[in-house]
């Protein structure tokens, strides 16, 4: 890959990552409700899912997506169910205020899985990358080093933008630490998570 191609690819991926999407809403929801580290863990899960599909696209394994058929559908349903469960958990939360020293209990693994499952549940991502990358690189002649560069660019671009969103949401959380607004944020965050899960189901 040339330097100009790398810069162009990075710029395009940053622009795409900035667009409002289910992944952005999920990062905002987790970070606002549970803190920056949960937003960061969600971002990491999203990046991991993206890297998985990028590698599939780069090495021409898109046909496996079709052959996996039922397995892909199960992944979609599992991802959707998990997101809906996370949203319902926020709705059922008895904590009406954010304790800034002791945030609501939740596992960072659950936040990672929220981002990862949201990404891998949409098998169309690999098809998107198959159409996207040829504008910047020749996938057929891409070397292992070039593939590593593409993954690094995607990780930096997508991960950096999502972390920025997580930080913004976390700062907003500290500004809104009172009973009514925090309860409202839990309800909104829960609705976003449930909406994301329903959207995945509708796209299945």
C-alpha atoms as a PDB file:
ATOM      1  CA  UNK A   1       0.000   0.000   0.000  1.00  0.00           C
ATOM      2  CA  UNK A   2       1.178   3.496  -0.795  1.00  0.00           C
ATOM      3  CA  UNK A   3       1.145   6.317   1.728  1.00  0.00           C
ATOM      4  CA  UNK A   4      -1.538   8.173  -0.230  1.00  0.00           C
ATOM      5  CA  UNK A   5      -3.763   5.077  -0.275  1.00  0.00           C
ATOM      6  CA  UNK A   6      -3.277   4.606   3.471  1.00  0.00           C
ATOM      7  CA  UNK A   7      -4.183   8.225   4.218  1.00  0.00           C
ATOM      8  CA  UNK A   8      -7.224   8.047   1.952  1.00  0.00           C
ATOM      9  CA  UNK A   9      -8.396   4.805   3.574  1.00  0.00           C
ATOM     10  CA  UNK A  10      -7.898   6.213   7.083  1.00  0.00           C
ATOM     11  CA  UNK A  11      -9.805   9.399   6.234  1.00  0.00           C
ATOM     12  CA  UNK A  12     -12.689   7.461   4.704  1.00  0.00           C
ATOM     13  CA  UNK A  13     -12.957   5.100   7.679  1.00  0.00           C
ATOM     14  CA  UNK A  14     -12.916   7.978  10.175  1.00  0.00           C
ATOM     15  CA  UNK A  15     -15.704   9.692   8.232  1.00  0.00           C
ATOM     16  CA  UNK A  16     -17.774   6.482   8.186  1.00  0.00           C
ATOM     17  CA  UNK A  17     -17.170   5.824  11.895  1.00  0.00           C
ATOM     18  CA  UNK A  18     -18.381   9.344  12.747  1.00  0.00           C
ATOM     19  CA  UNK A  19     -21.781   8.766  11.132  1.00  0.00           C
ATOM     20  CA  UNK A  20     -24.667   8.085  13.569  1.00  0.00           C
ATOM     21  CA  UNK A  21     -25.225   4.335  13.709  1.00  0.00           C
ATOM     22  CA  UNK A  22     -26.246   1.489  15.988  1.00  0.00           C
ATOM     23  CA  UNK A  23     -22.626   1.051  17.067  1.00  0.00           C
ATOM     24  CA  UNK A  24     -22.316   4.725  18.017  1.00  0.00           C
ATOM     25  CA  UNK A  25     -25.572   4.581  19.967  1.00  0.00           C
ATOM     26  CA  UNK A  26     -24.416   1.456  21.780  1.00  0.00           C
ATOM     27  CA  UNK A  27     -21.125   3.061  22.808  1.00  0.00           C
ATOM     28  CA  UNK A  28     -22.961   6.178  24.012  1.00  0.00           C
ATOM     29  CA  UNK A  29     -25.491   4.108  25.950  1.00  0.00           C
ATOM     30  CA  UNK A  30     -22.910   1.947  27.744  1.00  0.00           C
ATOM     31  CA  UNK A  31     -20.611   4.849  28.544  1.00  0.00           C
ATOM     32  CA  UNK A  32     -23.389   7.135  29.784  1.00  0.00           C
ATOM     33  CA  UNK A  33     -24.941   4.448  31.971  1.00  0.00           C
ATOM     34  CA  UNK A  34     -21.811   2.705  33.252  1.00  0.00           C
ATOM     35  CA  UNK A  35     -18.811   4.953  32.662  1.00  0.00           C
ATOM     36  CA  UNK A  36     -15.997   5.510  30.175  1.00  0.00           C
ATOM     37  CA  UNK A  37     -14.315   2.125  30.594  1.00  0.00           C
ATOM     38  CA  UNK A  38     -17.521   0.354  29.612  1.00  0.00           C
ATOM     39  CA  UNK A  39     -17.802   2.596  26.569  1.00  0.00           C
ATOM     40  CA  UNK A  40     -14.171   1.774  25.771  1.00  0.00           C
ATOM     41  CA  UNK A  41     -14.842  -1.968  26.185  1.00  0.00           C
ATOM     42  CA  UNK A  42     -17.832  -1.674  23.850  1.00  0.00           C
ATOM     43  CA  UNK A  43     -15.627   0.176  21.349  1.00  0.00           C
ATOM     44  CA  UNK A  44     -13.053  -2.611  21.564  1.00  0.00           C
ATOM     45  CA  UNK A  45     -15.762  -5.175  20.851  1.00  0.00           C
ATOM     46  CA  UNK A  46     -16.898  -3.216  17.794  1.00  0.00           C
ATOM     47  CA  UNK A  47     -13.328  -2.982  16.506  1.00  0.00           C
ATOM     48  CA  UNK A  48     -12.811  -6.728  17.085  1.00  0.00           C
ATOM     49  CA  UNK A  49     -15.922  -7.504  15.051  1.00  0.00           C
ATOM     50  CA  UNK A  50     -14.803  -5.139  12.288  1.00  0.00           C
ATOM     51  CA  UNK A  51     -11.339  -6.712  12.163  1.00  0.00           C
ATOM     52  CA  UNK A  52     -12.897 -10.169  11.853  1.00  0.00           C
ATOM     53  CA  UNK A  53     -14.958  -9.138   8.839  1.00  0.00           C
ATOM     54  CA  UNK A  54     -12.095  -7.120   7.331  1.00  0.00           C
ATOM     55  CA  UNK A  55      -9.905 -10.222   7.359  1.00  0.00           C
ATOM     56  CA  UNK A  56     -12.715 -12.252   5.786  1.00  0.00           C
ATOM     57  CA  UNK A  57     -13.078  -9.635   3.049  1.00  0.00           C
ATOM     58  CA  UNK A  58      -9.342  -9.288   2.439  1.00  0.00           C
ATOM     59  CA  UNK A  59      -8.771 -13.008   2.029  1.00  0.00           C
ATOM     60  CA  UNK A  60     -11.786 -13.550  -0.189  1.00  0.00           C
ATOM     61  CA  UNK A  61     -13.736 -15.688   2.265  1.00  0.00           C
ATOM     62  CA  UNK A  62     -17.062 -13.942   1.743  1.00  0.00           C
ATOM     63  CA  UNK A  63     -18.516 -17.133   0.253  1.00  0.00           C
ATOM     64  CA  UNK A  64     -18.281 -18.725   3.715  1.00  0.00           C
ATOM     65  CA  UNK A  65     -20.883 -16.260   4.914  1.00  0.00           C
ATOM     66  CA  UNK A  66     -23.395 -17.794   2.508  1.00  0.00           C
ATOM     67  CA  UNK A  67     -22.388 -21.349   3.351  1.00  0.00           C
ATOM     68  CA  UNK A  68     -22.658 -20.698   7.104  1.00  0.00           C
ATOM     69  CA  UNK A  69     -26.347 -19.899   6.586  1.00  0.00           C
ATOM     70  CA  UNK A  70     -28.059 -21.074   9.765  1.00  0.00           C
ATOM     71  CA  UNK A  71     -25.004 -20.365  11.936  1.00  0.00           C
ATOM     72  CA  UNK A  72     -24.972 -16.717  10.846  1.00  0.00           C
ATOM     73  CA  UNK A  73     -28.693 -16.479  11.612  1.00  0.00           C
ATOM     74  CA  UNK A  74     -28.120 -17.923  15.088  1.00  0.00           C
ATOM     75  CA  UNK A  75     -25.364 -15.371  15.704  1.00  0.00           C
ATOM     76  CA  UNK A  76     -27.725 -12.600  14.643  1.00  0.00           C
ATOM     77  CA  UNK A  77     -30.485 -13.822  16.961  1.00  0.00           C
ATOM     78  CA  UNK A  78     -28.035 -14.281  19.850  1.00  0.00           C
ATOM     79  CA  UNK A  79     -26.647 -10.793  19.367  1.00  0.00           C
ATOM     80  CA  UNK A  80     -30.115  -9.261  19.183  1.00  0.00           C
ATOM     81  CA  UNK A  81     -31.308 -11.143  22.284  1.00  0.00           C
ATOM     82  CA  UNK A  82     -28.225 -10.062  24.216  1.00  0.00           C
ATOM     83  CA  UNK A  83     -28.676  -6.386  23.337  1.00  0.00           C
ATOM     84  CA  UNK A  84     -32.355  -6.509  24.297  1.00  0.00           C
ATOM     85  CA  UNK A  85     -31.441  -8.200  27.596  1.00  0.00           C
ATOM     86  CA  UNK A  86     -28.907  -5.445  28.344  1.00  0.00           C
ATOM     87  CA  UNK A  87     -31.557  -2.814  27.645  1.00  0.00           C
ATOM     88  CA  UNK A  88     -34.121  -4.498  29.887  1.00  0.00           C
ATOM     89  CA  UNK A  89     -31.467  -4.731  32.637  1.00  0.00           C
ATOM     90  CA  UNK A  90     -31.033  -0.964  32.483  1.00  0.00           C
ATOM     91  CA  UNK A  91     -34.795  -0.462  32.679  1.00  0.00           C
ATOM     92  CA  UNK A  92     -35.018  -2.726  35.737  1.00  0.00           C
ATOM     93  CA  UNK A  93     -32.117  -1.023  37.481  1.00  0.00           C
ATOM     94  CA  UNK A  94     -33.089   0.166  40.984  1.00  0.00           C
ATOM     95  CA  UNK A  95     -30.301   2.741  41.080  1.00  0.00           C
ATOM     96  CA  UNK A  96     -31.884   6.144  40.556  1.00  0.00           C
ATOM     97  CA  UNK A  97     -28.673   8.149  40.793  1.00  0.00           C
ATOM     98  CA  UNK A  98     -25.120   7.761  39.583  1.00  0.00           C
ATOM     99  CA  UNK A  99     -22.713   7.177  42.432  1.00  0.00           C
ATOM    100  CA  UNK A 100     -19.614   8.656  40.827  1.00  0.00           C
ATOM    101  CA  UNK A 101     -17.354   6.676  43.168  1.00  0.00           C
ATOM    102  CA  UNK A 102     -19.322   3.451  42.796  1.00  0.00           C
ATOM    103  CA  UNK A 103     -20.938   3.214  39.336  1.00  0.00           C
ATOM    104  CA  UNK A 104     -23.610   0.567  38.645  1.00  0.00           C
ATOM    105  CA  UNK A 105     -22.192  -2.945  38.760  1.00  0.00           C
ATOM    106  CA  UNK A 106     -21.580  -4.496  35.357  1.00  0.00           C
ATOM    107  CA  UNK A 107     -18.912  -6.578  33.718  1.00  0.00           C
ATOM    108  CA  UNK A 108     -16.521  -5.055  31.195  1.00  0.00           C
ATOM    109  CA  UNK A 109     -16.856  -8.356  29.350  1.00  0.00           C
ATOM    110  CA  UNK A 110     -20.581  -7.707  28.917  1.00  0.00           C
ATOM    111  CA  UNK A 111     -19.799  -4.311  27.389  1.00  0.00           C
ATOM    112  CA  UNK A 112     -17.210  -5.866  25.069  1.00  0.00           C
ATOM    113  CA  UNK A 113     -19.729  -8.505  23.990  1.00  0.00           C
ATOM    114  CA  UNK A 114     -22.368  -5.832  23.386  1.00  0.00           C
ATOM    115  CA  UNK A 115     -20.100  -4.191  20.813  1.00  0.00           C
ATOM    116  CA  UNK A 116     -18.756  -7.418  19.346  1.00  0.00           C
ATOM    117  CA  UNK A 117     -22.122  -9.142  18.930  1.00  0.00           C
ATOM    118  CA  UNK A 118     -23.689  -6.010  17.466  1.00  0.00           C
ATOM    119  CA  UNK A 119     -21.008  -6.037  14.764  1.00  0.00           C
ATOM    120  CA  UNK A 120     -20.786  -9.749  13.960  1.00  0.00           C
ATOM    121  CA  UNK A 121     -24.579 -10.079  13.956  1.00  0.00           C
ATOM    122  CA  UNK A 122     -24.622  -8.036  10.752  1.00  0.00           C
ATOM    123  CA  UNK A 123     -23.039 -10.266   8.103  1.00  0.00           C
ATOM    124  CA  UNK A 124     -23.585  -7.494   5.570  1.00  0.00           C
ATOM    125  CA  UNK A 125     -20.466  -5.843   7.017  1.00  0.00           C
ATOM    126  CA  UNK A 126     -18.204  -8.273   5.155  1.00  0.00           C
ATOM    127  CA  UNK A 127     -20.032  -7.506   1.925  1.00  0.00           C
ATOM    128  CA  UNK A 128     -19.620  -3.792   2.620  1.00  0.00           C
ATOM    129  CA  UNK A 129     -15.885  -4.200   3.074  1.00  0.00           C
ATOM    130  CA  UNK A 130     -15.649  -6.276  -0.098  1.00  0.00           C
ATOM    131  CA  UNK A 131     -17.115  -3.325  -1.982  1.00  0.00           C
ATOM    132  CA  UNK A 132     -15.283  -0.666   0.014  1.00  0.00           C
ATOM    133  CA  UNK A 133     -11.654  -1.793   0.000  1.00  0.00           C
ATOM    134  CA  UNK A 134     -11.179  -2.141  -3.785  1.00  0.00           C
ATOM    135  CA  UNK A 135     -11.474   1.641  -4.000  1.00  0.00           C
ATOM    136  CA  UNK A 136      -8.230   1.896  -2.030  1.00  0.00           C
ATOM    137  CA  UNK A 137      -6.339  -1.387  -2.410  1.00  0.00           C
ATOM    138  CA  UNK A 138      -6.119  -4.360  -4.755  1.00  0.00           C
ATOM    139  CA  UNK A 139      -7.332  -7.149  -2.475  1.00  0.00           C
ATOM    140  CA  UNK A 140      -6.230  -9.834  -4.945  1.00  0.00           C
ATOM    141  CA  UNK A 141      -2.566  -8.819  -4.639  1.00  0.00           C
ATOM    142  CA  UNK A 142      -2.584  -7.641  -1.019  1.00  0.00           C
ATOM    143  CA  UNK A 143       0.396  -8.947   0.952  1.00  0.00           C
ATOM    144  CA  UNK A 144       0.342 -10.008   4.606  1.00  0.00           C
ATOM    145  CA  UNK A 145       2.099  -6.754   5.514  1.00  0.00           C
ATOM    146  CA  UNK A 146      -0.490  -4.752   3.567  1.00  0.00           C
ATOM    147  CA  UNK A 147      -3.287  -6.654   5.305  1.00  0.00           C
ATOM    148  CA  UNK A 148      -1.720  -5.774   8.645  1.00  0.00           C
ATOM    149  CA  UNK A 149      -1.603  -2.106   7.626  1.00  0.00           C
ATOM    150  CA  UNK A 150      -5.290  -2.188   6.664  1.00  0.00           C
ATOM    151  CA  UNK A 151      -6.212  -3.749  10.018  1.00  0.00           C
ATOM    152  CA  UNK A 152      -4.089  -1.153  11.866  1.00  0.00           C
ATOM    153  CA  UNK A 153      -5.748   1.680   9.953  1.00  0.00           C
ATOM    154  CA  UNK A 154      -9.225   0.311  10.674  1.00  0.00           C
ATOM    155  CA  UNK A 155      -8.425  -0.234  14.352  1.00  0.00           C
ATOM    156  CA  UNK A 156      -7.043   3.290  14.755  1.00  0.00           C
ATOM    157  CA  UNK A 157      -9.781   5.019  12.770  1.00  0.00           C
ATOM    158  CA  UNK A 158     -12.829   3.155  14.078  1.00  0.00           C
ATOM    159  CA  UNK A 159     -11.475   2.658  17.602  1.00  0.00           C
ATOM    160  CA  UNK A 160     -10.376   6.275  17.938  1.00  0.00           C
ATOM    161  CA  UNK A 161     -13.769   7.642  16.905  1.00  0.00           C
ATOM    162  CA  UNK A 162     -15.712   5.267  19.163  1.00  0.00           C
ATOM    163  CA  UNK A 163     -13.456   6.110  22.129  1.00  0.00           C
ATOM    164  CA  UNK A 164     -14.154   9.776  21.468  1.00  0.00           C
ATOM    165  CA  UNK A 165     -17.878   9.096  21.635  1.00  0.00           C
ATOM    166  CA  UNK A 166     -17.383   7.113  24.860  1.00  0.00           C
ATOM    167  CA  UNK A 167     -15.506  10.029  26.442  1.00  0.00           C
ATOM    168  CA  UNK A 168     -18.193  12.519  25.432  1.00  0.00           C
ATOM    169  CA  UNK A 169     -20.948  10.338  26.896  1.00  0.00           C
ATOM    170  CA  UNK A 170     -18.978   9.785  30.109  1.00  0.00           C
ATOM    171  CA  UNK A 171     -18.481  13.539  30.592  1.00  0.00           C
ATOM    172  CA  UNK A 172     -22.198  14.115  30.041  1.00  0.00           C
ATOM    173  CA  UNK A 173     -22.880  11.480  32.700  1.00  0.00           C
ATOM    174  CA  UNK A 174     -20.880  13.436  35.267  1.00  0.00           C
ATOM    175  CA  UNK A 175     -22.779  16.611  34.404  1.00  0.00           C
ATOM    176  CA  UNK A 176     -26.154  14.943  34.845  1.00  0.00           C
ATOM    177  CA  UNK A 177     -25.694  13.193  38.182  1.00  0.00           C
ATOM    178  CA  UNK A 178     -29.095  13.682  39.794  1.00  0.00           C
ATOM    179  CA  UNK A 179     -32.043  11.388  40.466  1.00  0.00           C
ATOM    180  CA  UNK A 180     -34.462  12.403  37.699  1.00  0.00           C
ATOM    181  CA  UNK A 181     -31.966  12.852  34.896  1.00  0.00           C
ATOM    182  CA  UNK A 182     -29.989   9.720  35.749  1.00  0.00           C
ATOM    183  CA  UNK A 183     -33.182   7.651  35.797  1.00  0.00           C
ATOM    184  CA  UNK A 184     -34.102   9.177  32.474  1.00  0.00           C
ATOM    185  CA  UNK A 185     -30.663   8.319  31.082  1.00  0.00           C
ATOM    186  CA  UNK A 186     -31.084   4.717  32.213  1.00  0.00           C
ATOM    187  CA  UNK A 187     -34.439   4.551  30.449  1.00  0.00           C
ATOM    188  CA  UNK A 188     -33.067   6.156  27.289  1.00  0.00           C
ATOM    189  CA  UNK A 189     -29.943   3.986  27.315  1.00  0.00           C
ATOM    190  CA  UNK A 190     -32.097   0.899  27.811  1.00  0.00           C
ATOM    191  CA  UNK A 191     -34.362   1.942  24.949  1.00  0.00           C
ATOM    192  CA  UNK A 192     -31.340   2.426  22.690  1.00  0.00           C
ATOM    193  CA  UNK A 193     -30.014  -1.036  23.516  1.00  0.00           C
ATOM    194  CA  UNK A 194     -33.432  -2.629  22.955  1.00  0.00           C
ATOM    195  CA  UNK A 195     -33.855  -0.660  19.735  1.00  0.00           C
ATOM    196  CA  UNK A 196     -30.465  -1.854  18.526  1.00  0.00           C
ATOM    197  CA  UNK A 197     -31.445  -5.448  19.244  1.00  0.00           C
ATOM    198  CA  UNK A 198     -34.769  -5.074  17.422  1.00  0.00           C
ATOM    199  CA  UNK A 199     -33.002  -3.459  14.463  1.00  0.00           C
ATOM    200  CA  UNK A 200     -30.647  -6.429  14.217  1.00  0.00           C
ATOM    201  CA  UNK A 201     -33.642  -8.788  14.245  1.00  0.00           C
ATOM    202  CA  UNK A 202     -35.386  -6.804  11.504  1.00  0.00           C
ATOM    203  CA  UNK A 203     -32.262  -6.899   9.341  1.00  0.00           C
ATOM    204  CA  UNK A 204     -31.882 -10.675   9.798  1.00  0.00           C
END
